[in-house]
C-alpha cells in the first residue's frame, strides 16, 4: 500500500543544491517504489481540473526567472501514462467532478524539482494534475477522496505545495523560523493528527496567522487533496524552514 503525500517543493534550487531536505527526498524515494505517480501541482491552475494525458516524454518547464544557468540545464525526462490519466478521470467523472485532459503541457517545477530528487532516473510514469485555488477546502478534499484507494494499486498521489508560502514575508538571510510560521504549522499538524477535518476546513478563520501563512491558496490546497486521497492517519515526515518563513513541512496520509 502506497501512502499519499503532501510535499513542499520550496525553492527551485532544491533541484541542484545539496541540503538536508534534498537528502530526505532521496531517502523517501528509495523507500517508496510506486508503479506510477499522480501529482497535483500548485503551479498549474485551472478552473476545471485538468490532467496530463500522454505516453510521451514530458518537456521540462522553467516557470521561474532569475536563477543560475545550471538550474535551466536540468532536464527531467519522465514519461506520462494515458492509461493512468484515463483511470483518474473516470473516477472523477463517477463522482460528478468535471475534468479535462491536456496532451501537450510539460512538467512544471512544482513537479520536477521534487521528482528529480526522489526518482532521479525518471523511470516512473507521471500524471500531472492542476488545482483550482478558488474551490473551498471541502471540495479539494472531495477530489482527493475520489482517488482514495489508488495506493493499493501502487499509484502514489502527491500534493505538491507549501503550507506557509508568503513571498512578501521571506527573510532571505534568516536561518531561524519566524514564530508565527511555526505556530501555523503547529496548529495544522495538531488538527491533522486529531482528525479534526471540520476545523481544517475552517483554517482561514481558525488557524493562527492563517492570512500571513496562506495569502493565496494555490500552494495550500494540494494538502487537502493529498489528505482526502490517502486517509485519516497523518504522519509528519519532515519539518524545516528556509528564509524565516518558507515551510518545508511534509506529510504522509494513509
Protein backbone atom coordinates (compact mmCIF):
# COMPACT_ATOMS: atom_id res chain seq x y z
CA UNK A 1 0.00 0.00 0.00
CA UNK A 2 1.47 3.31 -1.11
CA UNK A 3 0.50 6.30 1.06
CA UNK A 4 -0.49 9.70 -0.26
CA UNK A 5 1.96 12.54 0.32
CA UNK A 6 1.94 16.27 0.74
CA UNK A 7 5.40 17.54 -0.18
CA UNK A 8 6.84 21.05 -0.08
CA UNK A 9 8.54 21.98 -3.33
CA UNK A 10 10.01 25.20 -1.93
CA UNK A 11 12.69 26.95 -3.95
CA UNK A 12 13.55 25.63 -7.45
CA UNK A 13 17.16 25.48 -6.22
CA UNK A 14 16.12 22.28 -4.46
CA UNK A 15 16.91 20.52 -7.74
CA UNK A 16 20.62 21.39 -7.72
CA UNK A 17 21.65 22.47 -4.21
CA UNK A 18 22.60 19.88 -1.59
CA UNK A 19 20.54 20.21 1.58
CA UNK A 20 19.05 18.12 4.38
CA UNK A 21 15.70 18.39 2.63
CA UNK A 22 17.12 17.10 -0.66
CA UNK A 23 18.63 14.17 1.25
CA UNK A 24 15.25 13.46 2.85
CA UNK A 25 13.56 13.35 -0.55
CA UNK A 26 16.18 10.94 -1.86
CA UNK A 27 15.59 8.62 1.11
CA UNK A 28 11.85 8.88 0.65
CA UNK A 29 12.16 7.88 -2.99
CA UNK A 30 14.30 4.88 -2.09
CA UNK A 31 11.67 3.73 0.39
CA UNK A 32 8.70 4.17 -1.95
CA UNK A 33 8.62 2.38 -5.29
CA UNK A 34 5.28 3.16 -6.94
CA UNK A 35 4.10 1.90 -10.29
CA UNK A 36 3.04 5.43 -11.26
CA UNK A 37 2.76 8.93 -9.79
CA UNK A 38 -0.17 11.36 -9.90
CA UNK A 39 0.97 14.81 -8.76
CA UNK A 40 -1.23 17.85 -8.13
CA UNK A 41 0.97 20.90 -8.54
CA UNK A 42 0.41 24.41 -7.22
CA UNK A 43 1.99 25.80 -10.38
CA UNK A 44 -0.77 24.61 -12.68
CA UNK A 45 -4.04 26.41 -12.06
CA UNK A 46 -7.28 25.91 -13.97
CA UNK A 47 -10.99 26.36 -13.37
CA UNK A 48 -11.64 22.77 -14.46
CA UNK A 49 -9.40 20.04 -13.08
CA UNK A 50 -7.00 19.23 -15.91
CA UNK A 51 -5.00 16.01 -16.22
CA UNK A 52 -1.96 15.48 -18.38
CA UNK A 53 -2.56 12.65 -20.84
CA UNK A 54 0.41 11.46 -22.85
CA UNK A 55 2.66 8.44 -23.23
CA UNK A 56 5.49 10.63 -24.48
CA UNK A 57 8.38 12.23 -22.61
CA UNK A 58 7.48 15.49 -20.91
CA UNK A 59 9.08 18.82 -21.62
CA UNK A 60 10.72 20.35 -18.53
CA UNK A 61 9.09 23.74 -17.84
CA UNK A 62 11.16 26.51 -16.21
CA UNK A 63 8.35 28.58 -14.75
CA UNK A 64 10.63 30.94 -12.81
CA UNK A 65 13.27 33.55 -13.54
CA UNK A 66 16.47 34.99 -12.10
CA UNK A 67 18.13 31.71 -11.14
CA UNK A 68 21.61 30.35 -12.08
CA UNK A 69 22.09 28.94 -15.60
CA UNK A 70 22.73 25.43 -14.28
CA UNK A 71 19.15 25.25 -12.99
CA UNK A 72 17.84 25.84 -16.51
CA UNK A 73 20.02 23.00 -17.75
CA UNK A 74 18.20 20.43 -15.60
CA UNK A 75 16.05 18.00 -17.56
CA UNK A 76 13.58 15.57 -16.03
CA UNK A 77 12.59 13.28 -18.93
CA UNK A 78 9.78 11.34 -17.28
CA UNK A 79 7.06 9.84 -19.44
CA UNK A 80 3.35 10.13 -18.92
CA UNK A 81 0.64 7.47 -18.94
CA UNK A 82 -2.59 7.83 -20.85
CA UNK A 83 -3.89 4.73 -19.09
CA UNK A 84 -3.43 6.18 -15.60
CA UNK A 85 -4.78 9.56 -16.74
CA UNK A 86 -7.93 7.87 -18.07
CA UNK A 87 -8.34 5.93 -14.83
CA UNK A 88 -8.07 9.12 -12.77
CA UNK A 89 -10.56 10.91 -14.98
CA UNK A 90 -13.00 8.00 -14.84
CA UNK A 91 -13.02 8.16 -11.04
CA UNK A 92 -13.61 11.91 -11.08
CA UNK A 93 -16.46 11.55 -13.57
CA UNK A 94 -18.20 8.92 -11.45
CA UNK A 95 -18.09 11.34 -8.53
CA UNK A 96 -19.51 14.16 -10.64
CA UNK A 97 -16.29 16.21 -10.65
CA UNK A 98 -15.68 17.90 -14.04
CA UNK A 99 -12.28 17.31 -15.62
CA UNK A 100 -10.48 17.50 -18.92
CA UNK A 101 -7.18 16.30 -20.36
CA UNK A 102 -4.13 18.09 -21.72
CA UNK A 103 -1.86 16.31 -24.20
CA UNK A 104 0.87 18.96 -24.52
CA UNK A 105 1.81 20.55 -21.20
CA UNK A 106 5.17 19.68 -19.66
CA UNK A 107 6.17 19.23 -16.03
CA UNK A 108 6.43 22.47 -14.07
CA UNK A 109 8.86 22.99 -11.20
CA UNK A 110 6.21 22.06 -8.65
CA UNK A 111 6.63 18.55 -10.03
CA UNK A 112 10.13 18.06 -11.42
CA UNK A 113 12.14 19.62 -8.59
CA UNK A 114 10.68 17.08 -6.14
CA UNK A 115 10.72 14.13 -8.51
CA UNK A 116 14.28 14.74 -9.66
CA UNK A 117 15.38 14.23 -6.05
CA UNK A 118 13.09 11.29 -5.32
CA UNK A 119 13.41 9.40 -8.60
CA UNK A 120 16.44 10.78 -10.44
CA UNK A 121 16.26 8.09 -13.13
CA UNK A 122 12.88 9.47 -14.27
CA UNK A 123 11.75 5.90 -14.84
CA UNK A 124 8.29 6.08 -13.22
CA UNK A 125 5.30 7.28 -15.28
CA UNK A 126 3.95 10.64 -14.12
CA UNK A 127 0.48 12.12 -14.48
CA UNK A 128 0.35 15.81 -13.59
CA UNK A 129 -2.88 17.47 -12.47
CA UNK A 130 -3.95 21.07 -11.96
CA UNK A 131 -5.51 22.78 -8.96
CA UNK A 132 -8.24 25.37 -8.63
CA UNK A 133 -7.29 27.55 -5.64
CA UNK A 134 -10.78 29.08 -5.51
CA UNK A 135 -12.54 25.85 -4.55
CA UNK A 136 -13.23 25.62 -0.80
CA UNK A 137 -11.26 23.10 1.29
CA UNK A 138 -14.09 20.57 1.47
CA UNK A 139 -14.25 20.42 -2.33
CA UNK A 140 -10.47 19.97 -2.54
CA UNK A 141 -10.75 17.14 -0.02
CA UNK A 142 -13.52 15.58 -2.10
CA UNK A 143 -11.22 15.48 -5.13
CA UNK A 144 -8.77 13.53 -3.01
CA UNK A 145 -11.45 11.15 -1.72
CA UNK A 146 -12.32 10.35 -5.32
CA UNK A 147 -8.81 8.93 -5.73
CA UNK A 148 -8.67 7.10 -2.41
CA UNK A 149 -7.54 3.51 -2.85
CA UNK A 150 -5.18 4.12 -5.76
CA UNK A 151 -2.32 3.49 -3.35
CA UNK A 152 -3.39 -0.15 -3.22
CA UNK A 153 -2.69 -0.28 -6.95
CA UNK A 154 0.78 1.15 -6.46
CA UNK A 155 -0.13 4.67 -7.57
CA UNK A 156 1.46 7.42 -5.50
CA UNK A 157 -0.66 10.55 -5.07
CA UNK A 158 1.38 13.68 -4.30
CA UNK A 159 0.07 17.11 -3.42
CA UNK A 160 2.91 19.50 -4.23
CA UNK A 161 2.69 22.85 -2.49
CA UNK A 162 3.80 24.66 0.68
CA UNK A 163 1.90 25.18 3.94
CA UNK A 164 3.48 28.56 4.77
CA UNK A 165 4.10 30.39 1.50
CA UNK A 166 4.26 34.16 1.56
CA UNK A 167 6.98 35.50 -0.69
CA UNK A 168 6.47 39.05 0.60
CA UNK A 169 7.42 37.93 4.12
CA UNK A 170 10.53 35.92 3.26
CA UNK A 171 13.70 36.87 5.18
CA UNK A 172 16.48 35.88 2.79
CA UNK A 173 19.34 35.86 5.30
CA UNK A 174 17.37 34.45 8.25
CA UNK A 175 18.12 30.88 9.39
CA UNK A 176 15.64 30.58 12.28
CA UNK A 177 11.92 30.37 11.50
CA UNK A 178 9.51 33.12 12.44
CA UNK A 179 7.32 32.21 15.41
CA UNK A 180 4.10 32.84 13.51
CA UNK A 181 5.07 30.41 10.75
CA UNK A 182 5.85 27.69 13.31
CA UNK A 183 2.57 28.30 15.13
CA UNK A 184 0.54 27.97 11.95
CA UNK A 185 2.16 24.62 11.15
CA UNK A 186 1.74 23.51 14.78
CA UNK A 187 -1.99 24.17 14.54
CA UNK A 188 -2.21 22.34 11.24
CA UNK A 189 -0.33 19.27 12.47
CA UNK A 190 -2.42 19.02 15.63
CA UNK A 191 -5.71 19.14 13.70
CA UNK A 192 -4.50 16.61 11.14
CA UNK A 193 -3.30 14.17 13.77
CA UNK A 194 -6.56 14.58 15.72
CA UNK A 195 -8.53 14.06 12.51
CA UNK A 196 -10.31 17.35 13.07
CA UNK A 197 -11.43 17.77 9.49
CA UNK A 198 -14.13 20.30 10.37
CA UNK A 199 -11.57 22.71 11.85
CA UNK A 200 -9.18 22.15 8.96
CA UNK A 201 -11.88 23.15 6.50
CA UNK A 202 -12.19 26.39 8.52
CA UNK A 203 -8.44 27.02 8.70
CA UNK A 204 -8.76 30.53 7.27
CA UNK A 205 -10.92 31.56 10.24
CA UNK A 206 -9.48 29.35 12.98
CA UNK A 207 -5.76 28.86 12.41
CA UNK A 208 -3.36 31.38 13.95
CA UNK A 209 -1.70 33.64 11.36
CA UNK A 210 -3.60 31.99 8.51
CA UNK A 211 -3.62 35.20 6.50
CA UNK A 212 0.16 35.53 6.70
CA UNK A 213 0.77 31.84 6.00
CA UNK A 214 -1.70 31.48 3.15
CA UNK A 215 -2.16 34.84 1.42
CA UNK A 216 -3.32 32.90 -1.65
CA UNK A 217 -4.46 29.29 -1.57
CA UNK A 218 -2.79 27.73 -4.63
CA UNK A 219 0.14 26.30 -2.63
CA UNK A 220 -2.07 25.18 0.26
CA UNK A 221 -4.90 23.31 -1.43
CA UNK A 222 -2.76 20.35 -2.59
CA UNK A 223 -2.65 19.44 1.12
CA UNK A 224 -6.41 18.80 1.18
CA UNK A 225 -6.22 16.70 -1.98
CA UNK A 226 -3.46 14.54 -0.52
CA UNK A 227 -5.32 14.29 2.79
CA UNK A 228 -8.52 13.16 1.10
CA UNK A 229 -6.80 10.64 -1.16
CA UNK A 230 -4.75 8.93 1.49
CA UNK A 231 -6.89 8.51 4.57
CA UNK A 232 -7.27 9.97 8.02
CA UNK A 233 -3.94 8.98 9.60
CA UNK A 234 -1.42 11.79 9.21
CA UNK A 235 2.31 11.45 9.86
CA UNK A 236 4.89 14.23 9.77
CA UNK A 237 7.72 13.04 7.53
CA UNK A 238 9.84 16.18 7.53
CA UNK A 239 9.73 19.66 9.01
CA UNK A 240 12.05 22.54 8.35
CA UNK A 241 12.10 26.18 7.26
CA UNK A 242 14.09 28.39 4.93
CA UNK A 243 14.36 32.19 4.81
CA UNK A 244 12.49 32.57 8.08
CA UNK A 245 9.03 31.75 6.78
CA UNK A 246 9.12 29.20 3.94
CA UNK A 247 7.87 25.89 5.35
CA UNK A 248 9.15 22.50 4.24
CA UNK A 249 6.53 20.55 6.16
CA UNK A 250 5.88 17.16 4.54
CA UNK A 251 3.12 14.76 5.48
CA UNK A 252 2.01 11.20 4.75
CA UNK A 253 -1.63 10.09 4.75
CA UNK A 254 -2.90 6.52 4.88
